[in-house]
C-alpha atoms as a PDB file:
ATOM      1  CA  MET A   1      41.827 -51.603 113.917  1.00  0.00           C
ATOM      2  CA  LEU A   2      43.783 -51.070 117.148  1.00  0.00           C
ATOM      3  CA  LEU A   3      47.081 -51.788 115.360  1.00  0.00           C
ATOM      4  CA  SER A   4      46.264 -49.163 112.720  1.00  0.00           C
ATOM      5  CA  ILE A   5      45.599 -46.555 115.395  1.00  0.00           C
ATOM      6  CA  ILE A   6      48.901 -47.338 117.133  1.00  0.00           C
ATOM      7  CA  VAL A   7      50.837 -47.056 113.862  1.00  0.00           C
ATOM      8  CA  ILE A   8      49.213 -43.697 113.029  1.00  0.00           C
ATOM      9  CA  VAL A   9      49.979 -42.307 116.492  1.00  0.00           C
ATOM     10  CA  LEU A  10      53.610 -43.431 116.287  1.00  0.00           C
ATOM     11  CA  LYS A  11      53.952 -41.935 112.831  1.00  0.00           C
ATOM     12  CA  ARG A  12      52.546 -38.624 113.981  1.00  0.00           C
ATOM     13  CA  SER A  13      54.876 -38.648 117.003  1.00  0.00           C
ATOM     14  CA  TRP A  14      57.854 -39.270 114.723  1.00  0.00           C
ATOM     15  CA  ILE A  15      56.816 -36.392 112.458  1.00  0.00           C
ATOM     16  CA  GLY A  16      56.420 -34.184 115.524  1.00  0.00           C
ATOM     17  CA  VAL A  17      59.910 -35.023 116.743  1.00  0.00           C
ATOM     18  CA  GLN A  18      61.409 -34.294 113.340  1.00  0.00           C
ATOM     19  CA  TYR A  19      59.536 -30.997 113.120  1.00  0.00           C
ATOM     20  CA  PHE A  20      60.769 -30.057 116.603  1.00  0.00           C
ATOM     21  CA  LYS A  21      64.363 -30.871 115.657  1.00  0.00           C
ATOM     22  CA  LYS A  22      64.153 -28.744 112.509  1.00  0.00           C
ATOM     23  CA  THR A  23      62.585 -25.883 114.461  1.00  0.00           C
ATOM     24  CA  LEU A  24      65.302 -26.146 117.105  1.00  0.00           C
ATOM     25  CA  LYS A  25      67.999 -25.976 114.410  1.00  0.00           C
ATOM     26  CA  VAL A  26      66.416 -22.864 112.891  1.00  0.00           C
ATOM     27  CA  VAL A  27      66.102 -21.172 116.291  1.00  0.00           C
ATOM     28  CA  THR A  28      69.698 -22.088 117.175  1.00  0.00           C
ATOM     29  CA  PHE A  29      70.930 -20.735 113.845  1.00  0.00           C
ATOM     30  CA  LEU A  30      69.044 -17.468 114.344  1.00  0.00           C
ATOM     31  CA  MET A  31      70.445 -17.108 117.844  1.00  0.00           C
ATOM     32  CA  TYR A  32      74.017 -17.596 116.645  1.00  0.00           C
ATOM     33  CA  PHE A  33      73.415 -15.314 113.667  1.00  0.00           C
ATOM     34  CA  ASN A  34      71.958 -12.612 115.893  1.00  0.00           C
ATOM     35  CA  PHE A  35      74.867 -12.894 118.340  1.00  0.00           C
ATOM     36  CA  PHE A  36      77.544 -12.584 115.664  1.00  0.00           C
ATOM     37  CA  TYR A  37      75.597  -9.851 113.863  1.00  0.00           C
ATOM     38  CA  MET A  38      75.395  -7.749 117.028  1.00  0.00           C
ATOM     39  CA  PHE A  39      78.982  -8.533 118.008  1.00  0.00           C
ATOM     40  CA  ILE A  40      80.437  -7.618 114.619  1.00  0.00           C
ATOM     41  CA  PHE A  41      78.320  -4.565 113.791  1.00  0.00           C
ATOM     42  CA  GLY A  42      77.546  -3.428 117.329  1.00  0.00           C
ATOM     43  CA  ALA A  43      80.956  -3.831 118.958  1.00  0.00           C
ATOM     44  CA  LEU A  44      83.779  -5.136 116.758  1.00  0.00           C
ATOM     45  CA  VAL A  45      83.259  -2.471 114.105  1.00  0.00           C
ATOM     46  CA  PHE A  46      84.270   0.165 116.671  1.00  0.00           C
ATOM     47  CA  LYS A  47      87.693  -1.448 117.017  1.00  0.00           C
ATOM     48  CA  ILE A  48      88.447  -0.227 113.516  1.00  0.00           C
ATOM     49  CA  TYR A  49      89.275   3.452 113.811  1.00  0.00           C
ATOM     50  CA  MET A  50      88.030   5.076 110.619  1.00  0.00           C
ATOM     51  CA  PRO A  51      86.575   8.497 111.479  1.00  0.00           C
ATOM     52  CA  GLN A  52      84.396   9.979 108.796  1.00  0.00           C
ATOM     53  CA  PRO A  53      85.660  13.153 107.105  1.00  0.00           C
ATOM     54  CA  THR A  54      84.119  16.459 108.135  1.00  0.00           C
ATOM     55  CA  GLY A  55      84.457  20.074 107.134  1.00  0.00           C
ATOM     56  CA  LEU A  56      83.956  21.210 110.714  1.00  0.00           C
ATOM     57  CA  ASN A  57      86.894  23.146 112.162  1.00  0.00           C
ATOM     58  CA  TYR A  58      87.571  26.048 114.510  1.00  0.00           C
ATOM     59  CA  ASP A  59      89.916  29.010 114.376  1.00  0.00           C
ATOM     60  CA  VAL A  60      91.276  29.263 117.929  1.00  0.00           C
ATOM     61  CA  SER A  61      92.468  32.818 117.356  1.00  0.00           C
ATOM     62  CA  LYS A  62      88.833  33.933 117.444  1.00  0.00           C
ATOM     63  CA  PHE A  63      88.427  32.384 120.899  1.00  0.00           C
ATOM     64  CA  LYS A  64      90.811  34.970 122.316  1.00  0.00           C
ATOM     65  CA  GLU A  65      89.028  38.002 120.893  1.00  0.00           C
ATOM     66  CA  THR A  66      86.940  40.090 123.259  1.00  0.00           C
ATOM     67  CA  SER A  67      83.333  40.127 122.159  1.00  0.00           C
ATOM     68  CA  ALA A  68      81.889  43.401 120.928  1.00  0.00           C
ATOM     69  CA  TYR A  69      78.734  42.565 122.877  1.00  0.00           C
ATOM     70  CA  SER A  70      78.194  42.197 126.625  1.00  0.00           C
ATOM     71  CA  GLN A  71      77.819  38.518 127.439  1.00  0.00           C
ATOM     72  CA  TYR A  72      77.298  36.794 130.765  1.00  0.00           C
ATOM     73  CA  ALA A  73      77.704  33.396 132.374  1.00  0.00           C
ATOM     74  CA  TYR A  74      75.913  32.047 135.433  1.00  0.00           C
ATOM     75  CA  LEU A  75      77.020  28.790 137.045  1.00  0.00           C
ATOM     76  CA  MET A  76      74.026  26.679 138.082  1.00  0.00           C
ATOM     77  CA  GLU A  77      75.563  24.926 141.079  1.00  0.00           C
ATOM     78  CA  ASP A  78      72.653  24.387 143.462  1.00  0.00           C
ATOM     79  CA  ARG A  79      70.572  21.389 142.456  1.00  0.00           C
ATOM     80  CA  LEU A  80      67.131  22.794 143.230  1.00  0.00           C
ATOM     81  CA  GLU A  81      67.957  26.186 141.752  1.00  0.00           C
ATOM     82  CA  ALA A  82      69.125  24.454 138.574  1.00  0.00           C
ATOM     83  CA  PHE A  83      65.669  22.899 138.188  1.00  0.00           C
ATOM     84  CA  ASN A  84      63.716  26.029 139.096  1.00  0.00           C
ATOM     85  CA  LEU A  85      65.821  28.147 136.763  1.00  0.00           C
ATOM     86  CA  ARG A  86      64.934  25.848 133.899  1.00  0.00           C
ATOM     87  CA  LEU A  87      61.268  26.481 134.680  1.00  0.00           C
ATOM     88  CA  ALA A  88      61.884  30.235 134.953  1.00  0.00           C
ATOM     89  CA  LEU A  89      63.526  30.318 131.529  1.00  0.00           C
ATOM     90  CA  ILE A  90      60.685  28.338 129.961  1.00  0.00           C
ATOM     91  CA  GLU A  91      58.139  30.606 131.692  1.00  0.00           C
ATOM     92  CA  ALA A  92      59.923  33.668 130.297  1.00  0.00           C
ATOM     93  CA  ALA A  93      60.028  32.338 126.725  1.00  0.00           C
ATOM     94  CA  GLU A  94      58.164  34.461 124.198  1.00  0.00           C
ATOM     95  CA  GLU A  95      58.956  32.911 120.828  1.00  0.00           C
ATOM     96  CA  SER A  96      60.885  29.639 120.859  1.00  0.00           C
ATOM     97  CA  ILE A  97      62.235  26.866 123.042  1.00  0.00           C
ATOM     98  CA  ALA A  98      64.743  24.310 121.719  1.00  0.00           C
ATOM     99  CA  ILE A  99      65.624  21.392 123.986  1.00  0.00           C
ATOM    100  CA  SER A 100      67.943  18.417 123.682  1.00  0.00           C
ATOM    101  CA  TYR A 101      68.288  15.687 126.327  1.00  0.00           C
ATOM    102  CA  TYR A 102      69.714  12.226 126.674  1.00  0.00           C
ATOM    103  CA  ALA A 103      67.147  11.048 129.220  1.00  0.00           C
ATOM    104  CA  VAL A 104      63.995  12.196 130.969  1.00  0.00           C
ATOM    105  CA  HIS A 105      63.330  10.027 134.008  1.00  0.00           C
ATOM    106  CA  ASN A 106      59.798   8.922 134.758  1.00  0.00           C
ATOM    107  CA  ASP A 107      59.339  10.860 138.005  1.00  0.00           C
ATOM    108  CA  ILE A 108      57.898  14.103 139.336  1.00  0.00           C
ATOM    109  CA  SER A 109      60.596  16.279 137.748  1.00  0.00           C
ATOM    110  CA  LYS A 110      59.463  15.024 134.346  1.00  0.00           C
ATOM    111  CA  ASP A 111      55.830  15.833 135.110  1.00  0.00           C
ATOM    112  CA  ILE A 112      56.671  19.379 136.217  1.00  0.00           C
ATOM    113  CA  PHE A 113      59.028  19.947 133.283  1.00  0.00           C
ATOM    114  CA  TYR A 114      56.501  18.690 130.730  1.00  0.00           C
ATOM    115  CA  GLY A 115      53.855  20.886 132.342  1.00  0.00           C
ATOM    116  CA  ALA A 116      56.123  23.904 131.839  1.00  0.00           C
ATOM    117  CA  LEU A 117      56.553  23.057 128.156  1.00  0.00           C
ATOM    118  CA  LEU A 118      52.815  22.581 127.639  1.00  0.00           C
ATOM    119  CA  LYS A 119      52.015  25.862 129.366  1.00  0.00           C
ATOM    120  CA  ALA A 120      54.528  27.680 127.147  1.00  0.00           C
ATOM    121  CA  ALA A 121      53.095  26.005 124.050  1.00  0.00           C
ATOM    122  CA  ASP A 122      49.558  26.923 125.114  1.00  0.00           C
ATOM    123  CA  LYS A 123      50.512  30.608 125.018  1.00  0.00           C
ATOM    124  CA  GLY A 124      51.978  30.280 121.501  1.00  0.00           C
ATOM    125  CA  VAL A 125      55.661  29.523 122.061  1.00  0.00           C
ATOM    126  CA  GLU A 126      57.143  27.143 119.475  1.00  0.00           C
ATOM    127  CA  VAL A 127      58.772  24.182 121.253  1.00  0.00           C
ATOM    128  CA  GLU A 128      61.214  21.753 119.659  1.00  0.00           C
ATOM    129  CA  PHE A 129      62.428  18.803 121.676  1.00  0.00           C
ATOM    130  CA  ILE A 130      64.878  16.106 120.586  1.00  0.00           C
ATOM    131  CA  ILE A 131      65.663  13.209 122.865  1.00  0.00           C
ATOM    132  CA  ASP A 132      67.769  10.078 122.619  1.00  0.00           C
ATOM    133  CA  GLY A 133      65.837   7.361 120.794  1.00  0.00           C
ATOM    134  CA  PHE A 134      67.463   4.393 122.531  1.00  0.00           C
ATOM    135  CA  ILE A 135      66.766   5.515 126.077  1.00  0.00           C
ATOM    136  CA  GLU A 136      63.456   7.325 125.607  1.00  0.00           C
ATOM    137  CA  GLY A 137      62.333   5.343 122.574  1.00  0.00           C
ATOM    138  CA  GLY A 138      62.633   2.032 124.410  1.00  0.00           C
ATOM    139  CA  VAL A 139      60.014  -0.323 125.776  1.00  0.00           C
ATOM    140  CA  PHE A 140      59.892   1.139 129.287  1.00  0.00           C
ATOM    141  CA  SER A 141      59.593   4.806 128.361  1.00  0.00           C
ATOM    142  CA  ASP A 142      56.517   6.950 128.921  1.00  0.00           C
ATOM    143  CA  HIS A 143      55.415   7.018 125.296  1.00  0.00           C
ATOM    144  CA  GLU A 144      51.963   8.360 126.128  1.00  0.00           C
ATOM    145  CA  ALA A 145      53.478  11.473 127.684  1.00  0.00           C
ATOM    146  CA  ILE A 146      55.785  12.093 124.725  1.00  0.00           C
ATOM    147  CA  ARG A 147      52.972  11.575 122.218  1.00  0.00           C
ATOM    148  CA  THR A 148      50.666  13.896 124.149  1.00  0.00           C
ATOM    149  CA  LEU A 149      53.256  16.669 123.972  1.00  0.00           C
ATOM    150  CA  ASN A 150      53.984  15.982 120.315  1.00  0.00           C
ATOM    151  CA  ALA A 151      50.270  16.221 119.461  1.00  0.00           C
ATOM    152  CA  HIS A 152      50.259  19.872 120.546  1.00  0.00           C
ATOM    153  CA  ASP A 153      50.198  22.286 117.593  1.00  0.00           C
ATOM    154  CA  ASN A 154      53.185  24.196 118.959  1.00  0.00           C
ATOM    155  CA  ILE A 155      55.360  21.248 120.031  1.00  0.00           C
ATOM    156  CA  THR A 156      57.495  19.011 117.807  1.00  0.00           C
ATOM    157  CA  ILE A 157      59.387  16.102 119.349  1.00  0.00           C
ATOM    158  CA  ARG A 158      61.870  13.817 117.627  1.00  0.00           C
ATOM    159  CA  TYR A 159      63.912  10.801 118.660  1.00  0.00           C
ATOM    160  CA  TYR A 160      67.613  10.781 117.853  1.00  0.00           C
ATOM    161  CA  GLU A 161      68.661   7.442 116.344  1.00  0.00           C
ATOM    162  CA  PRO A 162      65.543   5.448 117.291  1.00  0.00           C
ATOM    163  CA  ILE A 163      66.110   1.711 117.671  1.00  0.00           C
ATOM    164  CA  ASN A 164      66.581   0.009 114.301  1.00  0.00           C
ATOM    165  CA  LEU A 165      67.679  -3.631 114.239  1.00  0.00           C
ATOM    166  CA  PHE A 166      68.864  -3.225 110.656  1.00  0.00           C
ATOM    167  CA  LYS A 167      71.291  -0.514 111.777  1.00  0.00           C
ATOM    168  CA  ILE A 168      72.733  -2.145 114.861  1.00  0.00           C
ATOM    169  CA  TYR A 169      75.887  -0.030 114.587  1.00  0.00           C
ATOM    170  CA  ALA A 170      73.737   3.061 115.112  1.00  0.00           C
ATOM    171  CA  MET A 171      72.856   1.925 118.628  1.00  0.00           C
ATOM    172  CA  GLN A 172      76.232   3.282 119.750  1.00  0.00           C
ATOM    173  CA  ASN A 173      75.450   6.669 118.236  1.00  0.00           C
ATOM    174  CA  ARG A 174      73.782   8.212 121.249  1.00  0.00           C
ATOM    175  CA  LEU A 175      72.676  11.757 121.991  1.00  0.00           C
ATOM    176  CA  HIS A 176      74.262  13.017 125.202  1.00  0.00           C
ATOM    177  CA  ASP A 177      73.551  16.684 124.552  1.00  0.00           C
ATOM    178  CA  LYS A 178      71.821  18.585 127.334  1.00  0.00           C
ATOM    179  CA  LEU A 179      70.787  21.915 125.869  1.00  0.00           C
ATOM    180  CA  ILE A 180      68.008  24.432 126.431  1.00  0.00           C
ATOM    181  CA  ILE A 181      67.852  27.450 124.113  1.00  0.00           C
ATOM    182  CA  ILE A 182      65.265  30.136 124.879  1.00  0.00           C
ATOM    183  CA  ASP A 183      64.318  32.733 122.243  1.00  0.00           C
ATOM    184  CA  ASN A 184      67.825  32.333 120.787  1.00  0.00           C
ATOM    185  CA  HIS A 185      68.919  34.565 123.663  1.00  0.00           C
ATOM    186  CA  TYR A 186      69.433  32.294 126.691  1.00  0.00           C
ATOM    187  CA  ALA A 187      71.156  28.914 126.621  1.00  0.00           C
ATOM    188  CA  VAL A 188      71.745  26.270 129.283  1.00  0.00           C
ATOM    189  CA  ILE A 189      74.372  23.591 128.776  1.00  0.00           C
ATOM    190  CA  GLY A 190      75.728  21.101 131.297  1.00  0.00           C
ATOM    191  CA  GLY A 191      75.571  17.601 132.671  1.00  0.00           C
ATOM    192  CA  ARG A 192      72.069  17.304 134.113  1.00  0.00           C
ATOM    193  CA  ASN A 193      69.294  15.316 132.474  1.00  0.00           C
ATOM    194  CA  ILE A 194      65.702  15.646 133.703  1.00  0.00           C
ATOM    195  CA  GLY A 195      65.247  13.461 136.783  1.00  0.00           C
ATOM    196  CA  ASN A 196      64.756  13.746 140.528  1.00  0.00           C
ATOM    197  CA  ARG A 197      68.289  12.501 141.180  1.00  0.00           C
ATOM    198  CA  TYR A 198      69.739  15.660 139.612  1.00  0.00           C
ATOM    199  CA  TYR A 199      67.626  18.250 141.443  1.00  0.00           C
ATOM    200  CA  PHE A 200      65.878  17.105 144.603  1.00  0.00           C
ATOM    201  CA  ASP A 201      66.996  15.705 147.944  1.00  0.00           C
ATOM    202  CA  MET A 202      66.128  12.013 147.935  1.00  0.00           C
ATOM    203  CA  ASP A 203      65.498   9.285 150.479  1.00  0.00           C
ATOM    204  CA  ASN A 204      68.560   7.453 149.142  1.00  0.00           C
ATOM    205  CA  PRO A 205      71.448   9.954 149.020  1.00  0.00           C
ATOM    206  CA  GLU A 206      73.570   7.460 147.084  1.00  0.00           C
ATOM    207  CA  ASP A 207      71.186   7.925 144.144  1.00  0.00           C
ATOM    208  CA  GLU A 208      71.765  11.672 144.039  1.00  0.00           C
ATOM    209  CA  THR A 209      73.916  13.024 141.230  1.00  0.00           C
ATOM    210  CA  MET A 210      75.972  16.155 141.790  1.00  0.00           C
ATOM    211  CA  ASP A 211      76.488  18.088 138.603  1.00  0.00           C
ATOM    212  CA  ARG A 212      76.770  21.552 137.113  1.00  0.00           C
ATOM    213  CA  ASP A 213      75.207  23.611 134.338  1.00  0.00           C
ATOM    214  CA  VAL A 214      76.043  27.030 132.956  1.00  0.00           C
ATOM    215  CA  LEU A 215      73.572  29.608 131.696  1.00  0.00           C
ATOM    216  CA  ILE A 216      74.832  32.066 129.101  1.00  0.00           C
ATOM    217  CA  PHE A 217      73.125  35.158 127.714  1.00  0.00           C
ATOM    218  CA  GLY A 218      73.876  38.651 126.485  1.00  0.00           C
ATOM    219  CA  ASP A 219      72.481  42.173 126.362  1.00  0.00           C
ATOM    220  CA  SER A 220      71.953  41.728 122.651  1.00  0.00           C
ATOM    221  CA  LYS A 221      73.119  38.928 120.389  1.00  0.00           C
ATOM    222  CA  ILE A 222      75.609  36.353 121.637  1.00  0.00           C
ATOM    223  CA  GLU A 223      77.510  34.315 119.074  1.00  0.00           C
ATOM    224  CA  ALA A 224      77.793  31.211 121.276  1.00  0.00           C
ATOM    225  CA  VAL A 225      73.999  30.977 121.582  1.00  0.00           C
ATOM    226  CA  GLU A 226      73.652  31.505 117.836  1.00  0.00           C
ATOM    227  CA  ALA A 227      76.179  28.699 117.262  1.00  0.00           C
ATOM    228  CA  MET A 228      74.217  26.427 119.613  1.00  0.00           C
ATOM    229  CA  ARG A 229      71.028  27.157 117.708  1.00  0.00           C
ATOM    230  CA  GLU A 230      72.682  26.465 114.345  1.00  0.00           C
ATOM    231  CA  TYR A 231      73.946  23.142 115.665  1.00  0.00           C
ATOM    232  CA  TYR A 232      70.552  22.344 117.154  1.00  0.00           C
ATOM    233  CA  ASP A 233      68.769  23.010 113.867  1.00  0.00           C
ATOM    234  CA  GLU A 234      71.224  20.744 112.052  1.00  0.00           C
ATOM    235  CA  LEU A 235      70.711  18.037 114.673  1.00  0.00           C
ATOM    236  CA  PHE A 236      66.927  18.346 114.694  1.00  0.00           C
ATOM    237  CA  SER A 237      66.605  18.121 110.906  1.00  0.00           C
ATOM    238  CA  SER A 238      69.326  15.498 110.373  1.00  0.00           C
ATOM    239  CA  ALA A 239      68.762  12.064 108.893  1.00  0.00           C
ATOM    240  CA  TYR A 240      69.478  10.592 112.331  1.00  0.00           C
ATOM    241  CA  SER A 241      66.390  12.216 113.855  1.00  0.00           C
ATOM    242  CA  GLY A 242      63.049  10.458 113.472  1.00  0.00           C
ATOM    243  CA  ASP A 243      59.486  11.657 113.928  1.00  0.00           C
ATOM    244  CA  ILE A 244      57.252   9.986 116.482  1.00  0.00           C
ATOM    245  CA  LYS A 245      53.550   9.167 116.577  1.00  0.00           C
ATOM    246  CA  GLU A 246      50.984  11.626 117.855  1.00  0.00           C
ATOM    247  CA  ASN A 247      48.348  10.504 120.336  1.00  0.00           C
ATOM    248  CA  PHE A 248      46.778  13.310 122.374  1.00  0.00           C
ATOM    249  CA  ASN A 249      45.547  12.393 125.833  1.00  0.00           C
ATOM    250  CA  GLU A 250      43.628  15.247 127.458  1.00  0.00           C
ATOM    251  CA  THR A 251      43.909  13.662 130.909  1.00  0.00           C
ATOM    252  CA  VAL A 252      47.707  13.489 130.640  1.00  0.00           C
ATOM    253  CA  HIS A 253      47.849  17.057 129.301  1.00  0.00           C
ATOM    254  CA  ASP A 254      45.799  18.433 132.199  1.00  0.00           C
ATOM    255  CA  TYR A 255      47.781  16.414 134.745  1.00  0.00           C
ATOM    256  CA  PHE A 256      51.075  17.925 133.595  1.00  0.00           C
ATOM    257  CA  ILE A 257      49.679  21.478 133.625  1.00  0.00           C
ATOM    258  CA  ASN A 258      48.176  21.025 137.099  1.00  0.00           C
ATOM    259  CA  THR A 259      51.390  19.467 138.448  1.00  0.00           C
ATOM    260  CA  TYR A 260      53.413  22.398 137.129  1.00  0.00           C
ATOM    261  CA  ASN A 261      50.985  24.957 138.577  1.00  0.00           C
ATOM    262  CA  ASP A 262      50.990  23.219 141.976  1.00  0.00           C
ATOM    263  CA  TYR A 263      54.788  23.179 142.089  1.00  0.00           C
ATOM    264  CA  THR A 264      55.282  26.805 141.035  1.00  0.00           C
ATOM    265  CA  LYS A 265      52.411  28.447 142.959  1.00  0.00           C
ATOM    266  CA  ASN A 266      54.771  29.428 145.796  1.00  0.00           C
ATOM    267  CA  LEU A 267      57.774  30.175 143.559  1.00  0.00           C
ATOM    268  CA  ASP A 268      58.660  33.604 142.237  1.00  0.00           C
ATOM    269  CA  LEU A 269      60.217  32.651 138.929  1.00  0.00           C
ATOM    270  CA  GLU A 270      60.492  36.265 137.813  1.00  0.00           C
ATOM    271  CA  GLN A 271      62.508  37.077 140.916  1.00  0.00           C
ATOM    272  CA  LEU A 272      64.782  34.126 140.172  1.00  0.00           C
ATOM    273  CA  MET A 273      65.456  35.526 136.698  1.00  0.00           C
ATOM    274  CA  ASN A 274      66.262  38.925 138.233  1.00  0.00           C
ATOM    275  CA  HIS A 275      68.660  37.232 140.667  1.00  0.00           C
ATOM    276  CA  VAL A 276      70.450  35.546 137.781  1.00  0.00           C
ATOM    277  CA  HIS A 277      70.818  38.802 135.876  1.00  0.00           C
ATOM    278  CA  ASN A 278      72.274  40.470 138.968  1.00  0.00           C
ATOM    279  CA  GLN A 279      74.689  37.651 139.835  1.00  0.00           C
ATOM    280  CA  ALA A 280      75.847  36.583 136.371  1.00  0.00           C
ATOM    281  CA  ILE A 281      79.491  37.183 135.520  1.00  0.00           C
ATOM    282  CA  LEU A 282      80.456  39.466 132.655  1.00  0.00           C
ATOM    283  CA  VAL A 283      82.923  37.527 130.488  1.00  0.00           C
ATOM    284  CA  GLU A 284      85.103  38.512 127.566  1.00  0.00           C
ATOM    285  CA  GLN A 285      84.293  35.625 125.253  1.00  0.00           C
ATOM    286  CA  ILE A 286      82.190  32.459 125.109  1.00  0.00           C
ATOM    287  CA  THR A 287      82.689  29.842 122.404  1.00  0.00           C
ATOM    288  CA  PHE A 288      80.528  26.822 121.672  1.00  0.00           C
ATOM    289  CA  LEU A 289      82.357  23.707 120.450  1.00  0.00           C
ATOM    290  CA  ARG A 290      80.682  20.576 119.169  1.00  0.00           C
ATOM    291  CA  SER A 291      81.474  17.337 117.384  1.00  0.00           C
ATOM    292  CA  PRO A 292      80.429  16.574 113.807  1.00  0.00           C
ATOM    293  CA  LEU A 293      77.146  14.774 113.206  1.00  0.00           C
ATOM    294  CA  THR A 294      78.442  11.433 112.000  1.00  0.00           C
ATOM    295  CA  ARG A 295      78.018   7.810 113.024  1.00  0.00           C
ATOM    296  CA  LEU A 296      80.699   5.423 114.245  1.00  0.00           C
ATOM    297  CA  HIS A 297      83.992   7.171 115.042  1.00  0.00           C
ATOM    298  CA  LYS A 298      84.042  10.947 114.876  1.00  0.00           C
ATOM    299  CA  GLN A 299      86.936  13.232 114.139  1.00  0.00           C
ATOM    300  CA  PRO A 300      88.295  14.448 117.535  1.00  0.00           C
ATOM    301  CA  ILE A 301      87.505  18.063 116.693  1.00  0.00           C
ATOM    302  CA  ILE A 302      86.957  19.250 120.263  1.00  0.00           C
ATOM    303  CA  PHE A 303      90.061  17.613 121.737  1.00  0.00           C
ATOM    304  CA  ASN A 304      92.320  18.837 118.944  1.00  0.00           C
ATOM    305  CA  THR A 305      90.905  22.349 119.232  1.00  0.00           C
ATOM    306  CA  LEU A 306      91.413  22.427 123.000  1.00  0.00           C
ATOM    307  CA  LEU A 307      94.958  21.118 122.603  1.00  0.00           C
ATOM    308  CA  GLU A 308      95.809  23.868 120.132  1.00  0.00           C
ATOM    309  CA  LEU A 309      94.203  26.501 122.357  1.00  0.00           C
ATOM    310  CA  SER A 310      95.975  25.281 125.496  1.00  0.00           C
ATOM    311  CA  LYS A 311      99.418  26.015 124.084  1.00  0.00           C
ATOM    312  CA  ASP A 312      98.914  29.729 124.745  1.00  0.00           C
ATOM    313  CA  TYR A 313      97.737  29.385 128.347  1.00  0.00           C
ATOM    314  CA  ASP A 314      99.321  28.461 131.660  1.00  0.00           C
ATOM    315  CA  GLU A 315      96.213  26.774 133.044  1.00  0.00           C
ATOM    316  CA  VAL A 316      93.469  24.692 131.439  1.00  0.00           C
ATOM    317  CA  ILE A 317      90.426  23.341 133.291  1.00  0.00           C
ATOM    318  CA  LEU A 318      88.184  20.781 131.605  1.00  0.00           C
ATOM    319  CA  GLN A 319      84.893  19.628 133.081  1.00  0.00           C
ATOM    320  CA  SER A 320      82.660  16.894 131.713  1.00  0.00           C
ATOM    321  CA  PRO A 321      80.097  14.573 133.353  1.00  0.00           C
ATOM    322  CA  TYR A 322      81.858  11.637 131.703  1.00  0.00           C
ATOM    323  CA  PHE A 323      85.398  11.332 130.433  1.00  0.00           C
ATOM    324  CA  VAL A 324      85.705   8.313 128.131  1.00  0.00           C
ATOM    325  CA  LEU A 325      89.023   7.918 126.357  1.00  0.00           C
ATOM    326  CA  ASN A 326      89.951   5.648 123.495  1.00  0.00           C
ATOM    327  CA  ASP A 327      93.513   5.285 122.223  1.00  0.00           C
ATOM    328  CA  GLU A 328      93.190   8.269 119.898  1.00  0.00           C
ATOM    329  CA  LEU A 329      91.893  10.623 122.591  1.00  0.00           C
ATOM    330  CA  SER A 330      94.464   9.355 125.093  1.00  0.00           C
ATOM    331  CA  SER A 331      97.185  10.191 122.603  1.00  0.00           C
ATOM    332  CA  ILE A 332      95.837  13.729 122.167  1.00  0.00           C
ATOM    333  CA  LEU A 333      95.512  14.167 125.939  1.00  0.00           C
ATOM    334  CA  ARG A 334      99.189  13.337 126.363  1.00  0.00           C
ATOM    335  CA  GLY A 335      99.898  16.380 124.206  1.00  0.00           C
ATOM    336  CA  PHE A 336      98.696  18.666 127.004  1.00  0.00           C
ATOM    337  CA  SER A 337     101.193  19.821 129.569  1.00  0.00           C
ATOM    338  CA  THR A 338     100.515  17.815 132.730  1.00  0.00           C
ATOM    339  CA  GLU A 339     101.394  20.895 134.800  1.00  0.00           C
ATOM    340  CA  ASN A 340      98.639  23.103 133.388  1.00  0.00           C
ATOM    341  CA  ILE A 341      95.626  20.827 132.902  1.00  0.00           C
ATOM    342  CA  THR A 342      92.935  19.924 135.450  1.00  0.00           C
ATOM    343  CA  ILE A 343      90.087  17.557 134.613  1.00  0.00           C
ATOM    344  CA  LEU A 344      86.904  17.463 136.699  1.00  0.00           C
ATOM    345  CA  THR A 345      84.448  14.652 135.980  1.00  0.00           C
ATOM    346  CA  ASN A 346      81.796  12.479 137.611  1.00  0.00           C
ATOM    347  CA  SER A 347      82.982   9.307 135.910  1.00  0.00           C
ATOM    348  CA  MET A 348      86.382   8.408 134.500  1.00  0.00           C
ATOM    349  CA  HIS A 349      86.672   5.537 132.039  1.00  0.00           C
ATOM    350  CA  THR A 350      89.991   4.744 130.377  1.00  0.00           C
END
């Protein structure tokens, strides 16, 4: 009897070892497969320069024409003013708000900003908000906040290129736009996301990010804002943009509204708007350029357009929060005259 028990135990142990070895082989295979899959389709594929065709192009001769309408530009230099002016524009909205951001940090600036959007939506303004799906659609994002906003009848939020393991190549297709379009009349474009580091003085100055935005508007219609809105509508309704779940949380909703009201109770946002109108610069022409909505490599539409435009000018100033050059863009950049081009950026990667 004892011998039989020993034999059975040994047999079961042997089976267990064999099962463990087979499981280990499967896990090892999956790990190698996953590594090569991500390496090939997430990195190596970008070494093959095959930009997708696009019908997007610009006639630079139109850039030099003086607009028939009065149009203005206001540089948003000061960090705190840049945040408050965003709130003032949202507060002034009567019909529509269209917003695009790469990231919204989980801090007090987010809470105030979301409160502004909810307050606008509560009074009937239609709000559309598209945000990068890798950064804000990830595990550590504040999904409850996003879903609470999206549950509002007047707010629609979408993720751009949400994480999809079956489209690993799409993970490189990120949304770095930072746009706010108010009533198709005002537009803010620049380098700031929503986060304390962009707007407020912090305990750790090394975490602060110095940046710049520009507000554009006109006495009547302004073609650059119309072009931004056309691009935004294409982006928002594209196949790369995905809907998100709705899950209304009344406590979260009320918290955002109260946080916004507490922050703005001592601010005169109407006066800030008047200041902007008085200080804005009357300009002859404003043109909005953008890249085509394609995955993988894009046609270098913006760089080629700027190169063609620069040939007629003695001085060219380019500003971008990030300046990332591949071989193709480096080749185009060498076409500029080194005597007449200045590049201002927060981060240079070559």
